[in-house]
Amino acid sequence: MADNYLESHYEEYLKRKAAWEREKRLGKLRKSTRPTKGTDGKREAEDNGGAGD
């Protein structure tokens, strides 16, 4: 029973990984963007979820 459980979960993982790699290769994943210029001409950092880029 344990072997079948592990095999099925591994197959699901491989399917998810293949879908992720396919989207990455086709450029459908969101890429990080550069900061944009604000209305006063100074750069404003976009909200990137707390990452300190």
Foldseek 3Di string as FASTA:
>chain_A
DVVVVVVVVVVVVVVVVVVVVVCVVVVVDDDDDDFDADPVRDTDRDCPPPDDD
